[in-house]
Amino acid sequence: MAPSEITPEEQAELDKALYNALNPLASAIRSRETGLPADRMWDANPVEVALSILAAWKVADVEIKRLAERAAATAGSYGASYEQLGAVWGITRQGARKKWPDAVSRPTPAAAGRSTLALFGGAAELVQSPSGDWRWTGKGADGTSGTVADGTLYTTAEEAAAHAGAFLKEHALDIGHQS
């Protein structure tokens, strides 16, 4: 049995709880439709009663979908991936992304994956790789181009910026000492 499957006993308890929760809603819907008091819901054509119950299930279905969407968004806000959401729901990662498109926050490409650092008359571009690591390339004020040494990747944008800043400082024009 998969962790999200329930036992027959749990299924029976869930059914009972859902029917108990649904009955007042079905009675209210039936009462509004007929003008009869809710306690006389069953004093009608069986087809009409069954349709009232179906209407109540529709209301419950919409509410359950809304609550599931909220739960997915909450999980996403805590760092859950679409792969994890899909696994819990029994669908693919792509299916979860389609079902709850805003559940997992994705950083904007401009803000998260790329930025420019201008220091000491030069500039460096910080770029985040798909794996999440950071690298930099830059051009100092003296015209020297540089990049991350030996393919080193940095864990944070701040770490990459510190190394890029050191490069830019090293290649700044020293106007006071030029001949």
N, C-alpha and C. Protein backbone atom coordinates (compact mmCIF):
# COMPACT_ATOMS: atom_id res chain seq x y z
N MET A 1 0.85 -1.18 0.00
CA MET A 1 0.00 0.00 0.00
C MET A 1 0.89 1.24 0.00
N ALA A 2 0.62 2.16 -0.91
CA ALA A 2 1.36 3.42 -0.97
C ALA A 2 0.98 4.27 0.24
N PRO A 3 1.89 5.18 0.67
CA PRO A 3 1.61 5.98 1.87
C PRO A 3 0.30 6.77 1.80
N SER A 4 -0.12 7.21 0.61
CA SER A 4 -1.34 8.01 0.54
C SER A 4 -2.60 7.17 0.35
N GLU A 5 -2.46 5.85 0.19
CA GLU A 5 -3.64 4.99 0.10
C GLU A 5 -4.20 4.82 1.49
N ILE A 6 -5.51 4.57 1.55
CA ILE A 6 -6.13 4.41 2.86
C ILE A 6 -6.68 3.00 2.99
N THR A 7 -6.82 2.58 4.22
CA THR A 7 -7.33 1.24 4.50
C THR A 7 -8.84 1.22 4.27
N PRO A 8 -9.43 0.03 4.14
CA PRO A 8 -10.90 -0.04 4.01
C PRO A 8 -11.63 0.60 5.20
N GLU A 9 -11.07 0.46 6.38
CA GLU A 9 -11.69 1.06 7.57
C GLU A 9 -11.64 2.59 7.47
N GLU A 10 -10.48 3.11 7.04
CA GLU A 10 -10.36 4.56 6.88
C GLU A 10 -11.30 5.07 5.78
N GLN A 11 -11.48 4.28 4.73
CA GLN A 11 -12.39 4.64 3.65
C GLN A 11 -13.82 4.73 4.17
N ALA A 12 -14.22 3.76 4.98
CA ALA A 12 -15.58 3.76 5.54
C ALA A 12 -15.79 4.99 6.44
N GLU A 13 -14.79 5.31 7.27
CA GLU A 13 -14.88 6.49 8.15
C GLU A 13 -14.93 7.78 7.34
N LEU A 14 -14.13 7.85 6.27
CA LEU A 14 -14.13 9.04 5.41
C LEU A 14 -15.49 9.21 4.73
N ASP A 15 -16.01 8.11 4.19
CA ASP A 15 -17.34 8.16 3.55
C ASP A 15 -18.38 8.69 4.53
N LYS A 16 -18.37 8.14 5.75
CA LYS A 16 -19.35 8.55 6.76
C LYS A 16 -19.19 10.03 7.08
N ALA A 17 -17.96 10.48 7.27
CA ALA A 17 -17.71 11.89 7.59
C ALA A 17 -18.14 12.80 6.44
N LEU A 18 -17.86 12.40 5.22
CA LEU A 18 -18.25 13.22 4.07
C LEU A 18 -19.76 13.29 3.92
N TYR A 19 -20.44 12.16 4.06
CA TYR A 19 -21.91 12.17 3.98
C TYR A 19 -22.51 13.03 5.09
N ASN A 20 -21.95 12.92 6.30
CA ASN A 20 -22.46 13.73 7.41
C ASN A 20 -22.23 15.22 7.17
N ALA A 21 -21.10 15.56 6.58
CA ALA A 21 -20.81 16.96 6.27
C ALA A 21 -21.65 17.45 5.10
N LEU A 22 -21.93 16.58 4.15
CA LEU A 22 -22.66 16.98 2.94
C LEU A 22 -24.16 17.10 3.15
N ASN A 23 -24.72 16.31 4.04
CA ASN A 23 -26.17 16.28 4.20
C ASN A 23 -26.78 17.66 4.49
N PRO A 24 -26.23 18.46 5.41
CA PRO A 24 -26.83 19.79 5.63
C PRO A 24 -26.76 20.68 4.38
N LEU A 25 -25.68 20.58 3.62
CA LEU A 25 -25.57 21.36 2.39
C LEU A 25 -26.60 20.90 1.36
N ALA A 26 -26.75 19.59 1.19
CA ALA A 26 -27.75 19.06 0.25
C ALA A 26 -29.15 19.48 0.67
N SER A 27 -29.43 19.44 1.97
CA SER A 27 -30.75 19.85 2.47
C SER A 27 -30.98 21.34 2.20
N ALA A 28 -29.96 22.16 2.41
CA ALA A 28 -30.09 23.60 2.18
C ALA A 28 -30.32 23.90 0.70
N ILE A 29 -29.58 23.21 -0.17
CA ILE A 29 -29.75 23.40 -1.62
C ILE A 29 -31.16 22.99 -2.02
N ARG A 30 -31.61 21.84 -1.53
CA ARG A 30 -32.96 21.33 -1.86
C ARG A 30 -34.03 22.30 -1.36
N SER A 31 -33.81 22.82 -0.16
CA SER A 31 -34.78 23.74 0.42
C SER A 31 -34.87 25.02 -0.41
N ARG A 32 -33.75 25.54 -0.83
CA ARG A 32 -33.75 26.75 -1.67
C ARG A 32 -34.44 26.50 -3.01
N GLU A 33 -34.22 25.32 -3.58
CA GLU A 33 -34.80 25.01 -4.89
C GLU A 33 -36.32 24.82 -4.82
N THR A 34 -36.79 24.26 -3.72
CA THR A 34 -38.22 23.92 -3.64
C THR A 34 -39.02 24.87 -2.76
N GLY A 35 -38.34 25.58 -1.87
CA GLY A 35 -39.05 26.41 -0.91
C GLY A 35 -39.55 25.61 0.28
N LEU A 36 -39.30 24.29 0.28
CA LEU A 36 -39.72 23.44 1.40
C LEU A 36 -38.68 23.54 2.52
N PRO A 37 -39.09 23.29 3.75
CA PRO A 37 -38.12 23.27 4.84
C PRO A 37 -37.11 22.12 4.64
N ALA A 38 -35.91 22.30 5.14
CA ALA A 38 -34.84 21.31 4.94
C ALA A 38 -35.22 19.95 5.49
N ASP A 39 -36.02 19.90 6.57
CA ASP A 39 -36.38 18.60 7.15
C ASP A 39 -37.36 17.82 6.26
N ARG A 40 -37.89 18.45 5.20
CA ARG A 40 -38.80 17.75 4.28
C ARG A 40 -38.10 17.44 2.95
N MET A 41 -36.78 17.47 2.96
CA MET A 41 -36.00 17.25 1.74
C MET A 41 -36.38 15.94 1.06
N TRP A 42 -36.61 14.92 1.85
CA TRP A 42 -36.85 13.60 1.28
C TRP A 42 -38.28 13.40 0.80
N ASP A 43 -39.15 14.38 1.06
CA ASP A 43 -40.55 14.30 0.63
C ASP A 43 -40.69 14.87 -0.78
N ALA A 44 -39.96 14.31 -1.72
CA ALA A 44 -39.99 14.83 -3.09
C ALA A 44 -39.70 13.70 -4.05
N ASN A 45 -39.79 14.01 -5.31
CA ASN A 45 -39.44 13.07 -6.36
C ASN A 45 -38.00 12.61 -6.15
N PRO A 46 -37.73 11.29 -6.16
CA PRO A 46 -36.37 10.79 -5.92
C PRO A 46 -35.33 11.36 -6.90
N VAL A 47 -35.72 11.63 -8.12
CA VAL A 47 -34.77 12.20 -9.09
C VAL A 47 -34.36 13.59 -8.63
N GLU A 48 -35.33 14.40 -8.19
CA GLU A 48 -35.01 15.76 -7.73
C GLU A 48 -34.13 15.72 -6.48
N VAL A 49 -34.40 14.81 -5.58
CA VAL A 49 -33.58 14.66 -4.37
C VAL A 49 -32.16 14.27 -4.76
N ALA A 50 -32.06 13.27 -5.65
CA ALA A 50 -30.73 12.82 -6.08
C ALA A 50 -29.96 13.94 -6.77
N LEU A 51 -30.64 14.77 -7.56
CA LEU A 51 -29.98 15.89 -8.21
C LEU A 51 -29.54 16.95 -7.21
N SER A 52 -30.29 17.14 -6.15
CA SER A 52 -29.88 18.07 -5.10
C SER A 52 -28.60 17.57 -4.41
N ILE A 53 -28.55 16.27 -4.19
CA ILE A 53 -27.35 15.69 -3.58
C ILE A 53 -26.16 15.83 -4.53
N LEU A 54 -26.40 15.60 -5.81
CA LEU A 54 -25.33 15.77 -6.80
C LEU A 54 -24.85 17.23 -6.82
N ALA A 55 -25.78 18.18 -6.73
CA ALA A 55 -25.41 19.59 -6.70
C ALA A 55 -24.55 19.89 -5.47
N ALA A 56 -24.87 19.28 -4.35
CA ALA A 56 -24.06 19.48 -3.14
C ALA A 56 -22.67 18.89 -3.32
N TRP A 57 -22.57 17.73 -3.98
CA TRP A 57 -21.25 17.14 -4.25
C TRP A 57 -20.44 18.05 -5.16
N LYS A 58 -21.10 18.73 -6.10
CA LYS A 58 -20.40 19.65 -6.99
C LYS A 58 -19.81 20.81 -6.18
N VAL A 59 -20.60 21.36 -5.26
CA VAL A 59 -20.11 22.43 -4.39
C VAL A 59 -18.91 21.94 -3.59
N ALA A 60 -19.01 20.73 -3.04
CA ALA A 60 -17.91 20.16 -2.26
C ALA A 60 -16.68 19.94 -3.14
N ASP A 61 -16.90 19.48 -4.37
CA ASP A 61 -15.79 19.24 -5.30
C ASP A 61 -15.03 20.54 -5.58
N VAL A 62 -15.75 21.62 -5.83
CA VAL A 62 -15.12 22.91 -6.09
C VAL A 62 -14.33 23.35 -4.87
N GLU A 63 -14.90 23.17 -3.69
CA GLU A 63 -14.22 23.57 -2.45
C GLU A 63 -12.97 22.72 -2.21
N ILE A 64 -13.06 21.43 -2.45
CA ILE A 64 -11.90 20.55 -2.27
C ILE A 64 -10.79 20.95 -3.24
N LYS A 65 -11.14 21.27 -4.47
CA LYS A 65 -10.12 21.73 -5.44
C LYS A 65 -9.46 23.01 -4.96
N ARG A 66 -10.24 23.93 -4.41
CA ARG A 66 -9.69 25.18 -3.91
C ARG A 66 -8.75 24.92 -2.73
N LEU A 67 -9.17 24.04 -1.83
CA LEU A 67 -8.33 23.73 -0.67
C LEU A 67 -7.07 22.97 -1.08
N ALA A 68 -7.18 22.09 -2.08
CA ALA A 68 -6.00 21.38 -2.58
C ALA A 68 -5.02 22.37 -3.21
N GLU A 69 -5.56 23.34 -3.95
CA GLU A 69 -4.70 24.37 -4.55
C GLU A 69 -3.98 25.16 -3.46
N ARG A 70 -4.68 25.49 -2.40
CA ARG A 70 -4.06 26.21 -1.27
C ARG A 70 -2.97 25.35 -0.62
N ALA A 71 -3.24 24.05 -0.46
CA ALA A 71 -2.24 23.16 0.15
C ALA A 71 -1.01 23.04 -0.75
N ALA A 72 -1.22 22.96 -2.06
CA ALA A 72 -0.09 22.89 -3.00
C ALA A 72 0.72 24.18 -2.95
N ALA A 73 0.05 25.32 -2.89
CA ALA A 73 0.76 26.60 -2.81
C ALA A 73 1.53 26.72 -1.50
N THR A 74 0.94 26.23 -0.43
CA THR A 74 1.64 26.26 0.87
C THR A 74 2.87 25.38 0.81
N ALA A 75 2.73 24.17 0.27
CA ALA A 75 3.89 23.28 0.15
C ALA A 75 4.96 23.92 -0.74
N GLY A 76 4.52 24.54 -1.85
CA GLY A 76 5.47 25.22 -2.73
C GLY A 76 6.17 26.37 -2.05
N SER A 77 5.46 27.11 -1.20
CA SER A 77 6.08 28.23 -0.49
C SER A 77 7.14 27.76 0.50
N TYR A 78 7.02 26.52 0.94
CA TYR A 78 8.02 25.96 1.85
C TYR A 78 9.14 25.25 1.10
N GLY A 79 9.08 25.27 -0.24
CA GLY A 79 10.18 24.71 -1.02
C GLY A 79 9.87 23.42 -1.75
N ALA A 80 8.64 22.93 -1.70
CA ALA A 80 8.30 21.71 -2.43
C ALA A 80 8.41 21.97 -3.93
N SER A 81 8.84 20.97 -4.66
CA SER A 81 8.98 21.08 -6.11
C SER A 81 7.71 20.53 -6.78
N TYR A 82 7.57 20.83 -8.07
CA TYR A 82 6.45 20.26 -8.82
C TYR A 82 6.55 18.74 -8.86
N GLU A 83 7.76 18.22 -8.86
CA GLU A 83 7.92 16.76 -8.85
C GLU A 83 7.33 16.17 -7.57
N GLN A 84 7.58 16.82 -6.44
CA GLN A 84 7.04 16.35 -5.17
C GLN A 84 5.52 16.49 -5.13
N LEU A 85 5.01 17.63 -5.59
CA LEU A 85 3.56 17.83 -5.61
C LEU A 85 2.89 16.77 -6.48
N GLY A 86 3.48 16.51 -7.65
CA GLY A 86 2.92 15.51 -8.55
C GLY A 86 2.94 14.12 -7.93
N ALA A 87 4.03 13.79 -7.25
CA ALA A 87 4.13 12.46 -6.63
C ALA A 87 3.03 12.27 -5.59
N VAL A 88 2.77 13.29 -4.79
CA VAL A 88 1.73 13.19 -3.77
C VAL A 88 0.35 13.06 -4.41
N TRP A 89 0.14 13.75 -5.53
CA TRP A 89 -1.18 13.76 -6.17
C TRP A 89 -1.34 12.60 -7.14
N GLY A 90 -0.25 11.87 -7.42
CA GLY A 90 -0.32 10.74 -8.34
C GLY A 90 -0.28 11.15 -9.80
N ILE A 91 0.37 12.28 -10.08
CA ILE A 91 0.51 12.78 -11.44
C ILE A 91 1.97 13.14 -11.70
N THR A 92 2.28 13.46 -12.92
CA THR A 92 3.65 13.81 -13.27
C THR A 92 3.98 15.22 -12.79
N ARG A 93 5.26 15.55 -12.85
CA ARG A 93 5.72 16.90 -12.54
C ARG A 93 5.03 17.90 -13.44
N GLN A 94 4.95 17.56 -14.73
CA GLN A 94 4.31 18.45 -15.69
C GLN A 94 2.81 18.60 -15.38
N GLY A 95 2.19 17.51 -14.98
CA GLY A 95 0.78 17.55 -14.61
C GLY A 95 0.55 18.46 -13.40
N ALA A 96 1.45 18.39 -12.43
CA ALA A 96 1.34 19.25 -11.24
C ALA A 96 1.53 20.71 -11.63
N ARG A 97 2.47 20.98 -12.51
CA ARG A 97 2.70 22.37 -12.95
C ARG A 97 1.47 22.91 -13.67
N LYS A 98 0.82 22.04 -14.46
CA LYS A 98 -0.38 22.46 -15.18
C LYS A 98 -1.55 22.65 -14.21
N LYS A 99 -1.67 21.76 -13.24
CA LYS A 99 -2.78 21.81 -12.28
C LYS A 99 -2.66 23.01 -11.35
N TRP A 100 -1.44 23.27 -10.87
CA TRP A 100 -1.20 24.36 -9.92
C TRP A 100 -0.08 25.25 -10.45
N PRO A 101 -0.31 26.04 -11.48
CA PRO A 101 0.77 26.78 -12.14
C PRO A 101 1.51 27.78 -11.24
N ASP A 102 0.87 28.26 -10.20
CA ASP A 102 1.52 29.25 -9.34
C ASP A 102 1.96 28.68 -7.99
N ALA A 103 1.91 27.36 -7.84
CA ALA A 103 2.22 26.76 -6.54
C ALA A 103 3.69 26.88 -6.18
N VAL A 104 4.56 26.69 -7.14
CA VAL A 104 5.99 26.75 -6.89
C VAL A 104 6.51 28.06 -7.46
N SER A 105 7.07 28.88 -6.59
CA SER A 105 7.55 30.17 -7.07
C SER A 105 8.84 29.97 -7.85
N ARG A 106 8.86 30.58 -9.00
CA ARG A 106 10.05 30.55 -9.85
C ARG A 106 10.63 31.95 -9.87
N PRO A 107 11.91 32.08 -9.60
CA PRO A 107 12.51 33.41 -9.63
C PRO A 107 12.47 33.98 -11.04
N THR A 108 12.34 35.28 -11.12
CA THR A 108 12.36 35.91 -12.42
C THR A 108 13.77 35.82 -12.98
N PRO A 109 13.91 35.51 -14.26
CA PRO A 109 15.23 35.34 -14.83
C PRO A 109 16.14 36.55 -14.63
N ALA A 110 15.61 37.74 -14.75
CA ALA A 110 16.46 38.92 -14.61
C ALA A 110 16.96 39.06 -13.18
N ALA A 111 16.11 38.85 -12.22
CA ALA A 111 16.49 39.06 -10.84
C ALA A 111 17.32 37.92 -10.29
N ALA A 112 16.97 36.70 -10.61
CA ALA A 112 17.60 35.57 -9.95
C ALA A 112 18.81 35.04 -10.69
N GLY A 113 18.78 35.03 -12.00
CA GLY A 113 19.83 34.33 -12.71
C GLY A 113 20.91 35.18 -13.33
N ARG A 114 20.80 36.48 -13.22
CA ARG A 114 21.77 37.32 -13.91
C ARG A 114 21.79 38.71 -13.26
N SER A 115 22.98 39.23 -13.04
CA SER A 115 23.09 40.61 -12.57
C SER A 115 24.44 41.17 -13.00
N THR A 116 24.54 42.49 -12.96
CA THR A 116 25.76 43.17 -13.38
C THR A 116 26.36 43.89 -12.18
N LEU A 117 27.67 43.84 -12.10
CA LEU A 117 28.42 44.48 -11.03
C LEU A 117 29.36 45.49 -11.68
N ALA A 118 29.24 46.75 -11.33
CA ALA A 118 30.12 47.79 -11.88
C ALA A 118 30.93 48.38 -10.73
N LEU A 119 32.25 48.17 -10.79
CA LEU A 119 33.16 48.67 -9.75
C LEU A 119 34.49 49.08 -10.37
N PHE A 120 35.13 50.07 -9.81
CA PHE A 120 36.49 50.47 -10.19
C PHE A 120 36.64 50.72 -11.69
N GLY A 121 35.59 51.22 -12.32
CA GLY A 121 35.64 51.54 -13.75
C GLY A 121 35.44 50.34 -14.66
N GLY A 122 35.24 49.16 -14.14
CA GLY A 122 35.00 47.95 -14.93
C GLY A 122 33.63 47.39 -14.63
N ALA A 123 33.32 46.28 -15.27
CA ALA A 123 32.02 45.65 -15.04
C ALA A 123 32.17 44.14 -15.13
N ALA A 124 31.34 43.45 -14.37
CA ALA A 124 31.30 41.99 -14.40
C ALA A 124 29.85 41.56 -14.43
N GLU A 125 29.59 40.46 -15.13
CA GLU A 125 28.26 39.90 -15.18
C GLU A 125 28.26 38.62 -14.35
N LEU A 126 27.31 38.53 -13.45
CA LEU A 126 27.14 37.33 -12.63
C LEU A 126 26.01 36.53 -13.24
N VAL A 127 26.24 35.23 -13.44
CA VAL A 127 25.25 34.38 -14.09
C VAL A 127 25.04 33.12 -13.26
N GLN A 128 23.77 32.78 -13.05
CA GLN A 128 23.44 31.56 -12.33
C GLN A 128 23.21 30.44 -13.32
N SER A 129 23.86 29.31 -13.09
CA SER A 129 23.69 28.15 -13.97
C SER A 129 22.39 27.42 -13.60
N PRO A 130 21.91 26.54 -14.48
CA PRO A 130 20.69 25.78 -14.16
C PRO A 130 20.81 24.98 -12.85
N SER A 131 22.01 24.60 -12.48
CA SER A 131 22.19 23.85 -11.24
C SER A 131 22.07 24.73 -10.01
N GLY A 132 22.07 26.06 -10.21
CA GLY A 132 21.95 26.98 -9.09
C GLY A 132 23.25 27.63 -8.70
N ASP A 133 24.37 27.12 -9.21
CA ASP A 133 25.68 27.72 -8.91
C ASP A 133 25.87 29.00 -9.70
N TRP A 134 26.83 29.81 -9.27
CA TRP A 134 27.09 31.11 -9.89
C TRP A 134 28.50 31.16 -10.48
N ARG A 135 28.65 31.94 -11.56
CA ARG A 135 29.96 32.21 -12.16
C ARG A 135 29.96 33.67 -12.58
N TRP A 136 31.11 34.16 -12.99
CA TRP A 136 31.18 35.55 -13.43
C TRP A 136 32.14 35.69 -14.60
N THR A 137 31.92 36.72 -15.39
CA THR A 137 32.87 37.16 -16.43
C THR A 137 32.92 38.67 -16.32
N GLY A 138 34.08 39.24 -16.59
CA GLY A 138 34.19 40.68 -16.44
C GLY A 138 35.27 41.29 -17.30
N LYS A 139 35.25 42.62 -17.33
CA LYS A 139 36.27 43.39 -18.05
C LYS A 139 36.66 44.53 -17.14
N GLY A 140 37.95 44.55 -16.78
CA GLY A 140 38.45 45.59 -15.90
C GLY A 140 38.56 46.92 -16.64
N ALA A 141 38.74 47.99 -15.88
CA ALA A 141 38.89 49.32 -16.47
C ALA A 141 40.12 49.40 -17.36
N ASP A 142 41.12 48.55 -17.10
CA ASP A 142 42.34 48.55 -17.93
C ASP A 142 42.18 47.74 -19.20
N GLY A 143 40.98 47.20 -19.44
CA GLY A 143 40.71 46.44 -20.66
C GLY A 143 40.93 44.95 -20.53
N THR A 144 41.41 44.49 -19.39
CA THR A 144 41.66 43.07 -19.18
C THR A 144 40.34 42.32 -18.97
N SER A 145 40.16 41.25 -19.73
CA SER A 145 38.98 40.40 -19.56
C SER A 145 39.30 39.28 -18.58
N GLY A 146 38.32 38.89 -17.82
CA GLY A 146 38.53 37.81 -16.86
C GLY A 146 37.26 37.01 -16.67
N THR A 147 37.45 35.83 -16.14
CA THR A 147 36.33 34.96 -15.84
C THR A 147 36.68 34.11 -14.63
N VAL A 148 35.75 33.32 -14.20
CA VAL A 148 35.97 32.41 -13.08
C VAL A 148 37.17 31.52 -13.41
N ALA A 149 38.10 31.44 -12.49
CA ALA A 149 39.30 30.63 -12.71
C ALA A 149 38.98 29.14 -12.62
N ASP A 150 39.53 28.38 -13.54
CA ASP A 150 39.43 26.91 -13.53
C ASP A 150 38.00 26.40 -13.48
N GLY A 151 37.06 27.13 -14.01
CA GLY A 151 35.67 26.67 -14.04
C GLY A 151 35.02 26.61 -12.67
N THR A 152 35.60 27.32 -11.69
CA THR A 152 35.04 27.32 -10.35
C THR A 152 33.63 27.88 -10.37
N LEU A 153 32.74 27.25 -9.63
CA LEU A 153 31.38 27.75 -9.48
C LEU A 153 31.17 28.11 -8.02
N TYR A 154 30.42 29.17 -7.79
CA TYR A 154 30.18 29.65 -6.44
C TYR A 154 28.76 29.33 -6.00
N THR A 155 28.59 29.10 -4.73
CA THR A 155 27.31 28.71 -4.18
C THR A 155 26.29 29.84 -4.17
N THR A 156 26.76 31.07 -3.94
CA THR A 156 25.84 32.21 -3.86
C THR A 156 26.28 33.31 -4.82
N ALA A 157 25.34 34.18 -5.14
CA ALA A 157 25.64 35.34 -5.98
C ALA A 157 26.63 36.26 -5.26
N GLU A 158 26.51 36.36 -3.95
CA GLU A 158 27.40 37.22 -3.17
C GLU A 158 28.85 36.75 -3.25
N GLU A 159 29.04 35.43 -3.20
CA GLU A 159 30.39 34.88 -3.29
C GLU A 159 30.99 35.16 -4.66
N ALA A 160 30.20 34.95 -5.72
CA ALA A 160 30.67 35.25 -7.07
C ALA A 160 30.98 36.73 -7.22
N ALA A 161 30.12 37.59 -6.63
CA ALA A 161 30.34 39.04 -6.71
C ALA A 161 31.62 39.45 -5.99
N ALA A 162 31.93 38.80 -4.88
CA ALA A 162 33.16 39.12 -4.15
C ALA A 162 34.39 38.82 -5.00
N HIS A 163 34.38 37.68 -5.69
CA HIS A 163 35.52 37.32 -6.54
C HIS A 163 35.60 38.23 -7.77
N ALA A 164 34.45 38.53 -8.34
CA ALA A 164 34.42 39.45 -9.49
C ALA A 164 34.90 40.83 -9.06
N GLY A 165 34.47 41.27 -7.88
CA GLY A 165 34.91 42.58 -7.36
C GLY A 165 36.40 42.64 -7.14
N ALA A 166 36.98 41.54 -6.66
CA ALA A 166 38.44 41.50 -6.47
C ALA A 166 39.14 41.61 -7.82
N PHE A 167 38.63 40.95 -8.84
CA PHE A 167 39.19 41.05 -10.19
C PHE A 167 39.10 42.50 -10.69
N LEU A 168 37.93 43.11 -10.54
CA LEU A 168 37.75 44.48 -11.02
C LEU A 168 38.67 45.45 -10.28
N LYS A 169 38.88 45.24 -9.00
CA LYS A 169 39.79 46.10 -8.24
C LYS A 169 41.22 45.94 -8.73
N GLU A 170 41.59 44.70 -9.00
CA GLU A 170 42.95 44.42 -9.48
C GLU A 170 43.20 45.05 -10.85
N HIS A 171 42.14 45.22 -11.64
CA HIS A 171 42.30 45.74 -13.01
C HIS A 171 41.70 47.14 -13.15
N ALA A 172 41.70 47.88 -12.06
CA ALA A 172 41.24 49.27 -12.11
C ALA A 172 42.36 50.14 -12.66
N LEU A 173 42.02 51.23 -13.26
CA LEU A 173 43.04 52.18 -13.73
C LEU A 173 43.52 52.99 -12.54
N ASP A 174 44.79 53.05 -12.38
CA ASP A 174 45.36 53.83 -11.29
C ASP A 174 45.80 55.17 -11.88
N ILE A 175 44.89 56.12 -11.96
CA ILE A 175 45.12 57.39 -12.64
C ILE A 175 46.25 58.17 -11.98
N GLY A 176 46.42 58.11 -10.68
CA GLY A 176 47.44 58.88 -9.97
C GLY A 176 48.84 58.39 -10.24
N HIS A 177 49.02 57.15 -10.73
CA HIS A 177 50.38 56.61 -10.91
C HIS A 177 50.72 56.34 -12.35
N GLN A 178 49.95 56.87 -13.30
CA GLN A 178 50.25 56.63 -14.72
C GLN A 178 51.38 57.58 -15.15
N SER A 179 52.26 57.14 -16.08
CA SER A 179 53.31 58.02 -16.55
C SER A 179 52.97 58.62 -17.88
